[in-house]
PDB file of N, CA and C in Angstrom:
ATOM      1  N   MET A   1      84.421  88.238  53.041  1.00  0.00           N
ATOM      2  CA  MET A   1      85.602  88.772  54.292  1.00  0.00           C
ATOM      3  C   MET A   1      85.401  87.866  55.578  1.00  0.00           C
ATOM      4  N   CYS A   2      86.334  88.685  56.274  1.00  0.00           N
ATOM      5  CA  CYS A   2      86.617  87.871  57.553  1.00  0.00           C
ATOM      6  C   CYS A   2      87.211  88.636  58.364  1.00  0.00           C
ATOM      7  N   LEU A   3      86.760  88.801  59.538  1.00  0.00           N
ATOM      8  CA  LEU A   3      86.968  89.650  60.776  1.00  0.00           C
ATOM      9  C   LEU A   3      87.918  89.094  61.717  1.00  0.00           C
ATOM     10  N   ALA A   4      88.546  89.768  61.994  1.00  0.00           N
ATOM     11  CA  ALA A   4      89.881  89.090  62.987  1.00  0.00           C
ATOM     12  C   ALA A   4      90.340  90.022  63.792  1.00  0.00           C
ATOM     13  N   TYR A   5      90.532  89.586  64.780  1.00  0.00           N
ATOM     14  CA  TYR A   5      90.693  90.564  66.270  1.00  0.00           C
ATOM     15  C   TYR A   5      92.407  90.193  66.746  1.00  0.00           C
ATOM     16  N   PRO A   6      93.351  91.370  67.202  1.00  0.00           N
ATOM     17  CA  PRO A   6      94.126  90.905  67.515  1.00  0.00           C
ATOM     18  C   PRO A   6      94.628  90.271  69.045  1.00  0.00           C
ATOM     19  N   TYR A   7      95.192  89.538  69.567  1.00  0.00           N
ATOM     20  CA  TYR A   7      95.966  88.837  70.587  1.00  0.00           C
ATOM     21  C   TYR A   7      97.097  88.926  70.903  1.00  0.00           C
ATOM     22  N   LYS A   8      97.475  89.135  72.051  1.00  0.00           N
ATOM     23  CA  LYS A   8      99.193  88.759  72.160  1.00  0.00           C
ATOM     24  C   LYS A   8      98.828  87.202  72.852  1.00  0.00           C
ATOM     25  N   ILE A   9     100.001  86.288  72.475  1.00  0.00           N
ATOM     26  CA  ILE A   9     100.266  85.367  72.634  1.00  0.00           C
ATOM     27  C   ILE A   9     101.020  85.616  74.258  1.00  0.00           C
ATOM     28  N   VAL A  10     100.343  84.847  75.035  1.00  0.00           N
ATOM     29  CA  VAL A  10     100.995  84.640  76.412  1.00  0.00           C
ATOM     30  C   VAL A  10     101.777  83.075  77.060  1.00  0.00           C
ATOM     31  N   GLU A  11     101.461  82.081  75.998  1.00  0.00           N
ATOM     32  CA  GLU A  11     101.899  81.273  76.167  1.00  0.00           C
ATOM     33  C   GLU A  11     102.288  80.132  74.879  1.00  0.00           C
ATOM     34  N   VAL A  12     103.215  79.707  74.929  1.00  0.00           N
ATOM     35  CA  VAL A  12     103.065  78.750  73.651  1.00  0.00           C
ATOM     36  C   VAL A  12     102.929  77.579  74.189  1.00  0.00           C
ATOM     37  N   LYS A  13     102.245  76.741  74.601  1.00  0.00           N
ATOM     38  CA  LYS A  13     101.701  75.231  74.360  1.00  0.00           C
ATOM     39  C   LYS A  13     101.996  74.225  73.652  1.00  0.00           C
ATOM     40  N   ASP A  14     102.735  74.084  72.675  1.00  0.00           N
ATOM     41  CA  ASP A  14     102.987  73.101  71.494  1.00  0.00           C
ATOM     42  C   ASP A  14     103.315  74.055  70.025  1.00  0.00           C
ATOM     43  N   GLU A  15     103.456  73.360  69.331  1.00  0.00           N
ATOM     44  CA  GLU A  15     103.837  74.025  68.337  1.00  0.00           C
ATOM     45  C   GLU A  15     102.792  74.109  67.020  1.00  0.00           C
ATOM     46  N   TRP A  16     101.308  73.957  67.802  1.00  0.00           N
ATOM     47  CA  TRP A  16     100.496  74.229  66.782  1.00  0.00           C
ATOM     48  C   TRP A  16      99.482  75.032  68.151  1.00  0.00           C
ATOM     49  N   THR A  17      99.301  75.203  69.145  1.00  0.00           N
ATOM     50  CA  THR A  17      98.816  75.760  70.003  1.00  0.00           C
ATOM     51  C   THR A  17      99.142  76.900  70.843  1.00  0.00           C
ATOM     52  N   ALA A  18      98.614  77.595  71.308  1.00  0.00           N
ATOM     53  CA  ALA A  18      99.023  78.909  72.109  1.00  0.00           C
ATOM     54  C   ALA A  18      97.933  79.204  72.866  1.00  0.00           C
ATOM     55  N   VAL A  19      98.308  80.155  73.727  1.00  0.00           N
ATOM     56  CA  VAL A  19      96.927  81.056  74.715  1.00  0.00           C
ATOM     57  C   VAL A  19      97.362  82.239  74.495  1.00  0.00           C
ATOM     58  N   ALA A  20      96.193  82.954  74.095  1.00  0.00           N
ATOM     59  CA  ALA A  20      96.999  84.446  73.482  1.00  0.00           C
ATOM     60  C   ALA A  20      95.842  85.421  74.436  1.00  0.00           C
ATOM     61  N   GLU A  21      96.054  86.377  75.232  1.00  0.00           N
ATOM     62  CA  GLU A  21      95.446  87.434  75.544  1.00  0.00           C
ATOM     63  C   GLU A  21      95.092  88.787  74.988  1.00  0.00           C
ATOM     64  N   VAL A  22      93.633  89.565  75.012  1.00  0.00           N
ATOM     65  CA  VAL A  22      93.422  90.519  75.011  1.00  0.00           C
ATOM     66  C   VAL A  22      92.366  91.211  75.621  1.00  0.00           C
ATOM     67  N   GLN A  23      92.931  92.318  76.420  1.00  0.00           N
ATOM     68  CA  GLN A  23      91.733  92.813  76.961  1.00  0.00           C
ATOM     69  C   GLN A  23      91.503  92.234  78.364  1.00  0.00           C
ATOM     70  N   GLY A  24      92.393  90.922  78.876  1.00  0.00           N
ATOM     71  CA  GLY A  24      91.459  90.670  80.055  1.00  0.00           C
ATOM     72  C   GLY A  24      91.627  89.129  79.392  1.00  0.00           C
ATOM     73  N   VAL A  25      90.871  89.156  78.223  1.00  0.00           N
ATOM     74  CA  VAL A  25      90.549  87.777  78.026  1.00  0.00           C
ATOM     75  C   VAL A  25      91.107  87.100  77.197  1.00  0.00           C
ATOM     76  N   LYS A  26      91.523  85.795  77.760  1.00  0.00           N
ATOM     77  CA  LYS A  26      92.729  85.099  77.819  1.00  0.00           C
ATOM     78  C   LYS A  26      91.758  83.399  76.220  1.00  0.00           C
ATOM     79  N   THR A  27      92.347  83.182  75.576  1.00  0.00           N
ATOM     80  CA  THR A  27      91.286  81.765  74.896  1.00  0.00           C
ATOM     81  C   THR A  27      92.740  81.256  74.059  1.00  0.00           C
ATOM     82  N   GLU A  28      92.236  79.647  73.618  1.00  0.00           N
ATOM     83  CA  GLU A  28      93.642  79.358  73.313  1.00  0.00           C
ATOM     84  C   GLU A  28      93.497  78.813  72.010  1.00  0.00           C
ATOM     85  N   VAL A  29      94.407  79.164  70.961  1.00  0.00           N
ATOM     86  CA  VAL A  29      94.193  79.792  69.842  1.00  0.00           C
ATOM     87  C   VAL A  29      95.299  78.468  68.693  1.00  0.00           C
ATOM     88  N   ALA A  30      94.555  78.142  67.429  1.00  0.00           N
ATOM     89  CA  ALA A  30      95.523  77.445  66.678  1.00  0.00           C
ATOM     90  C   ALA A  30      96.346  78.310  65.687  1.00  0.00           C
ATOM     91  N   LEU A  31      97.570  77.108  65.899  1.00  0.00           N
ATOM     92  CA  LEU A  31      98.767  78.259  65.048  1.00  0.00           C
ATOM     93  C   LEU A  31      98.977  77.370  63.598  1.00  0.00           C
ATOM     94  N   HIS A  32      98.120  76.583  63.253  1.00  0.00           N
ATOM     95  CA  HIS A  32      98.606  75.963  61.925  1.00  0.00           C
ATOM     96  C   HIS A  32      98.210  76.677  60.737  1.00  0.00           C
ATOM     97  N   LEU A  33      97.885  77.985  60.921  1.00  0.00           N
ATOM     98  CA  LEU A  33      98.063  78.741  59.773  1.00  0.00           C
ATOM     99  C   LEU A  33      99.000  79.501  59.368  1.00  0.00           C
ATOM    100  N   LEU A  34      99.667  79.807  60.646  1.00  0.00           N
ATOM    101  CA  LEU A  34     100.795  80.578  60.709  1.00  0.00           C
ATOM    102  C   LEU A  34     102.058  79.924  59.769  1.00  0.00           C
ATOM    103  N   PRO A  35     102.709  80.527  58.836  1.00  0.00           N
ATOM    104  CA  PRO A  35     103.698  79.745  58.673  1.00  0.00           C
ATOM    105  C   PRO A  35     105.335  80.422  59.242  1.00  0.00           C
ATOM    106  N   GLU A  36     105.024  81.061  60.100  1.00  0.00           N
ATOM    107  CA  GLU A  36     106.367  81.239  61.044  1.00  0.00           C
ATOM    108  C   GLU A  36     105.430  80.832  62.781  1.00  0.00           C
ATOM    109  N   LYS A  37     106.873  80.853  63.509  1.00  0.00           N
ATOM    110  CA  LYS A  37     107.206  80.160  64.601  1.00  0.00           C
ATOM    111  C   LYS A  37     106.292  81.343  65.682  1.00  0.00           C
ATOM    112  N   VAL A  38     105.519  82.079  66.042  1.00  0.00           N
ATOM    113  CA  VAL A  38     105.236  82.551  67.605  1.00  0.00           C
ATOM    114  C   VAL A  38     106.231  82.151  68.598  1.00  0.00           C
ATOM    115  N   LYS A  39     106.369  83.470  69.145  1.00  0.00           N
ATOM    116  CA  LYS A  39     107.191  83.456  70.444  1.00  0.00           C
ATOM    117  C   LYS A  39     106.280  84.437  72.302  1.00  0.00           C
ATOM    118  N   GLU A  40     106.408  83.908  73.239  1.00  0.00           N
ATOM    119  CA  GLU A  40     105.280  85.252  73.976  1.00  0.00           C
ATOM    120  C   GLU A  40     105.912  86.066  73.667  1.00  0.00           C
ATOM    121  N   GLY A  41     104.458  87.023  73.654  1.00  0.00           N
ATOM    122  CA  GLY A  41     104.628  88.717  73.394  1.00  0.00           C
ATOM    123  C   GLY A  41     104.484  88.935  71.699  1.00  0.00           C
ATOM    124  N   ASP A  42     104.266  87.922  71.277  1.00  0.00           N
ATOM    125  CA  ASP A  42     104.419  88.108  69.890  1.00  0.00           C
ATOM    126  C   ASP A  42     102.403  88.303  69.325  1.00  0.00           C
ATOM    127  N   TRP A  43     102.211  89.508  68.698  1.00  0.00           N
ATOM    128  CA  TRP A  43     100.790  89.757  68.437  1.00  0.00           C
ATOM    129  C   TRP A  43     100.625  88.717  67.105  1.00  0.00           C
ATOM    130  N   VAL A  44      99.372  88.090  67.124  1.00  0.00           N
ATOM    131  CA  VAL A  44      98.926  87.633  65.980  1.00  0.00           C
ATOM    132  C   VAL A  44      97.147  87.880  65.683  1.00  0.00           C
ATOM    133  N   LEU A  45      96.783  87.962  64.581  1.00  0.00           N
ATOM    134  CA  LEU A  45      95.161  88.279  64.254  1.00  0.00           C
ATOM    135  C   LEU A  45      94.485  87.225  64.708  1.00  0.00           C
ATOM    136  N   VAL A  46      93.375  87.245  65.370  1.00  0.00           N
ATOM    137  CA  VAL A  46      92.784  85.363  65.390  1.00  0.00           C
ATOM    138  C   VAL A  46      91.563  85.881  64.929  1.00  0.00           C
ATOM    139  N   HIS A  47      91.348  84.365  63.809  1.00  0.00           N
ATOM    140  CA  HIS A  47      89.755  84.799  63.308  1.00  0.00           C
ATOM    141  C   HIS A  47      89.123  83.168  63.268  1.00  0.00           C
ATOM    142  N   VAL A  48      88.265  82.371  64.057  1.00  0.00           N
ATOM    143  CA  VAL A  48      87.415  81.642  64.790  1.00  0.00           C
ATOM    144  C   VAL A  48      88.366  80.609  65.330  1.00  0.00           C
ATOM    145  N   GLY A  49      89.399  81.386  65.967  1.00  0.00           N
ATOM    146  CA  GLY A  49      90.192  80.478  66.979  1.00  0.00           C
ATOM    147  C   GLY A  49      91.223  80.139  66.003  1.00  0.00           C
ATOM    148  N   PHE A  50      91.968  80.940  65.182  1.00  0.00           N
ATOM    149  CA  PHE A  50      93.045  80.051  64.085  1.00  0.00           C
ATOM    150  C   PHE A  50      94.047  81.707  64.177  1.00  0.00           C
ATOM    151  N   ALA A  51      94.936  81.679  64.421  1.00  0.00           N
ATOM    152  CA  ALA A  51      96.149  82.842  64.506  1.00  0.00           C
ATOM    153  C   ALA A  51      96.331  82.998  63.077  1.00  0.00           C
ATOM    154  N   ILE A  52      95.948  83.744  62.299  1.00  0.00           N
ATOM    155  CA  ILE A  52      95.986  83.923  60.732  1.00  0.00           C
ATOM    156  C   ILE A  52      97.096  84.678  60.558  1.00  0.00           C
ATOM    157  N   LYS A  53      98.061  85.662  61.299  1.00  0.00           N
ATOM    158  CA  LYS A  53      98.979  86.685  60.939  1.00  0.00           C
ATOM    159  C   LYS A  53      99.395  87.097  62.043  1.00  0.00           C
ATOM    160  N   LYS A  54     100.840  87.248  61.638  1.00  0.00           N
ATOM    161  CA  LYS A  54     101.532  88.037  63.529  1.00  0.00           C
ATOM    162  C   LYS A  54     101.701  89.532  62.801  1.00  0.00           C
ATOM    163  N   LEU A  55     101.283  90.534  63.836  1.00  0.00           N
ATOM    164  CA  LEU A  55     101.304  91.958  63.973  1.00  0.00           C
ATOM    165  C   LEU A  55     102.494  92.231  64.581  1.00  0.00           C
ATOM    166  N   SER A  56     103.056  93.594  64.537  1.00  0.00           N
ATOM    167  CA  SER A  56     103.737  94.130  65.366  1.00  0.00           C
ATOM    168  C   SER A  56     102.596  95.078  66.302  1.00  0.00           C
ATOM    169  N   GLU A  57     103.864  95.172  66.903  1.00  0.00           N
ATOM    170  CA  GLU A  57     103.195  95.745  68.154  1.00  0.00           C
ATOM    171  C   GLU A  57     102.007  96.845  67.747  1.00  0.00           C
ATOM    172  N   GLU A  58     102.799  97.616  66.841  1.00  0.00           N
ATOM    173  CA  GLU A  58     101.984  98.849  66.354  1.00  0.00           C
ATOM    174  C   GLU A  58     100.791  98.850  66.002  1.00  0.00           C
ATOM    175  N   GLU A  59     100.928  97.449  65.169  1.00  0.00           N
ATOM    176  CA  GLU A  59      99.941  97.439  64.288  1.00  0.00           C
ATOM    177  C   GLU A  59      98.384  96.577  65.030  1.00  0.00           C
ATOM    178  N   ALA A  60      98.793  95.880  66.221  1.00  0.00           N
ATOM    179  CA  ALA A  60      97.769  95.520  66.960  1.00  0.00           C
ATOM    180  C   ALA A  60      97.514  96.506  67.902  1.00  0.00           C
ATOM    181  N   GLN A  61      98.343  97.646  68.084  1.00  0.00           N
ATOM    182  CA  GLN A  61      97.234  98.508  68.770  1.00  0.00           C
ATOM    183  C   GLN A  61      96.383  99.895  68.102  1.00  0.00           C
ATOM    184  N   GLU A  62      96.946 100.019  66.747  1.00  0.00           N
ATOM    185  CA  GLU A  62      96.178 100.027  65.881  1.00  0.00           C
ATOM    186  C   GLU A  62      94.961  99.335  65.708  1.00  0.00           C
ATOM    187  N   SER A  63      94.889  98.466  65.643  1.00  0.00           N
ATOM    188  CA  SER A  63      93.690  97.353  64.957  1.00  0.00           C
ATOM    189  C   SER A  63      92.676  97.852  66.378  1.00  0.00           C
ATOM    190  N   LEU A  64      93.165  97.361  67.331  1.00  0.00           N
ATOM    191  CA  LEU A  64      92.285  97.854  68.426  1.00  0.00           C
ATOM    192  C   LEU A  64      92.023  98.767  69.053  1.00  0.00           C
ATOM    193  N   ARG A  65      92.492 100.240  68.287  1.00  0.00           N
ATOM    194  CA  ARG A  65      91.626 101.644  68.876  1.00  0.00           C
ATOM    195  C   ARG A  65      90.569 100.972  67.891  1.00  0.00           C
ATOM    196  N   TYR A  66      90.813 100.689  66.016  1.00  0.00           N
ATOM    197  CA  TYR A  66      89.524 101.208  65.329  1.00  0.00           C
ATOM    198  C   TYR A  66      88.399 100.011  66.039  1.00  0.00           C
ATOM    199  N   TRP A  67      89.084  98.991  66.796  1.00  0.00           N
ATOM    200  CA  TRP A  67      87.655  97.833  67.181  1.00  0.00           C
ATOM    201  C   TRP A  67      87.206  98.700  68.107  1.00  0.00           C
ATOM    202  N   ASP A  68      87.697  99.358  69.202  1.00  0.00           N
ATOM    203  CA  ASP A  68      87.307 100.484  70.035  1.00  0.00           C
ATOM    204  C   ASP A  68      86.093 101.456  69.629  1.00  0.00           C
ATOM    205  N   GLU A  69      86.817 102.097  68.635  1.00  0.00           N
ATOM    206  CA  GLU A  69      85.780 103.370  67.699  1.00  0.00           C
ATOM    207  C   GLU A  69      84.382 102.661  67.042  1.00  0.00           C
ATOM    208  N   ILE A  70      84.893 101.021  66.408  1.00  0.00           N
ATOM    209  CA  ILE A  70      83.482 100.546  65.970  1.00  0.00           C
ATOM    210  C   ILE A  70      82.567 100.314  67.211  1.00  0.00           C
ATOM    211  N   LEU A  71      83.050  99.554  68.090  1.00  0.00           N
ATOM    212  CA  LEU A  71      82.189  99.060  68.979  1.00  0.00           C
ATOM    213  C   LEU A  71      81.524 100.672  69.655  1.00  0.00           C
ATOM    214  N   ARG A  72      82.437 101.636  69.665  1.00  0.00           N
ATOM    215  CA  ARG A  72      81.489 103.466  70.710  1.00  0.00           C
ATOM    216  C   ARG A  72      80.370 103.944  69.645  1.00  0.00           C
ATOM    217  N   LEU A  73      80.747 103.801  68.261  1.00  0.00           N
ATOM    218  CA  LEU A  73      79.866 103.781  67.370  1.00  0.00           C
ATOM    219  C   LEU A  73      78.385 103.465  67.346  1.00  0.00           C
ATOM    220  N   THR A  74      79.164 101.923  67.329  1.00  0.00           N
ATOM    221  CA  THR A  74      77.621 100.526  67.161  1.00  0.00           C
ATOM    222  C   THR A  74      76.866 100.732  68.728  1.00  0.00           C
ATOM    223  N   GLN A  75      77.917 100.777  69.784  1.00  0.00           N
ATOM    224  CA  GLN A  75      76.971 100.915  71.357  1.00  0.00           C
ATOM    225  C   GLN A  75      77.254 102.135  71.743  1.00  0.00           C
ATOM    226  N   PRO A  76      76.546 103.103  71.911  1.00  0.00           N
ATOM    227  CA  PRO A  76      76.768 104.296  71.834  1.00  0.00           C
ATOM    228  C   PRO A  76      77.089 104.616  73.760  1.00  0.00           C
ATOM    229  N   ASN A  77      76.582 103.887  74.629  1.00  0.00           N
ATOM    230  CA  ASN A  77      76.090 103.540  75.996  1.00  0.00           C
ATOM    231  C   ASN A  77      77.302 102.503  76.775  1.00  0.00           C
ATOM    232  N   VAL A  78      78.131 101.822  75.696  1.00  0.00           N
ATOM    233  CA  VAL A  78      79.327 101.097  76.278  1.00  0.00           C
ATOM    234  C   VAL A  78      80.753 101.730  76.020  1.00  0.00           C
ATOM    235  N   GLU A  79      81.047 101.795  77.725  1.00  0.00           N
ATOM    236  CA  GLU A  79      82.517 103.005  77.754  1.00  0.00           C
ATOM    237  C   GLU A  79      83.769 101.783  77.826  1.00  0.00           C
TER     238      GLU A  79
END
């Protein structure tokens, strides 16, 4: 089992790397595992620095809601 978090692509640096952002946090992600190209505005699931799947906006937002709920349940004092 792996855990992956949705990020929005904000800059494509080259065919193998991009900068992605979620909740104000930017990180460089590797694109080696994606079969298709990404562009700015695309959402991807990121696992240990690798984009592993493209997502729709709706899928990404749903995943973020689940992560927020997990955090709320496991860290009740975090808002």
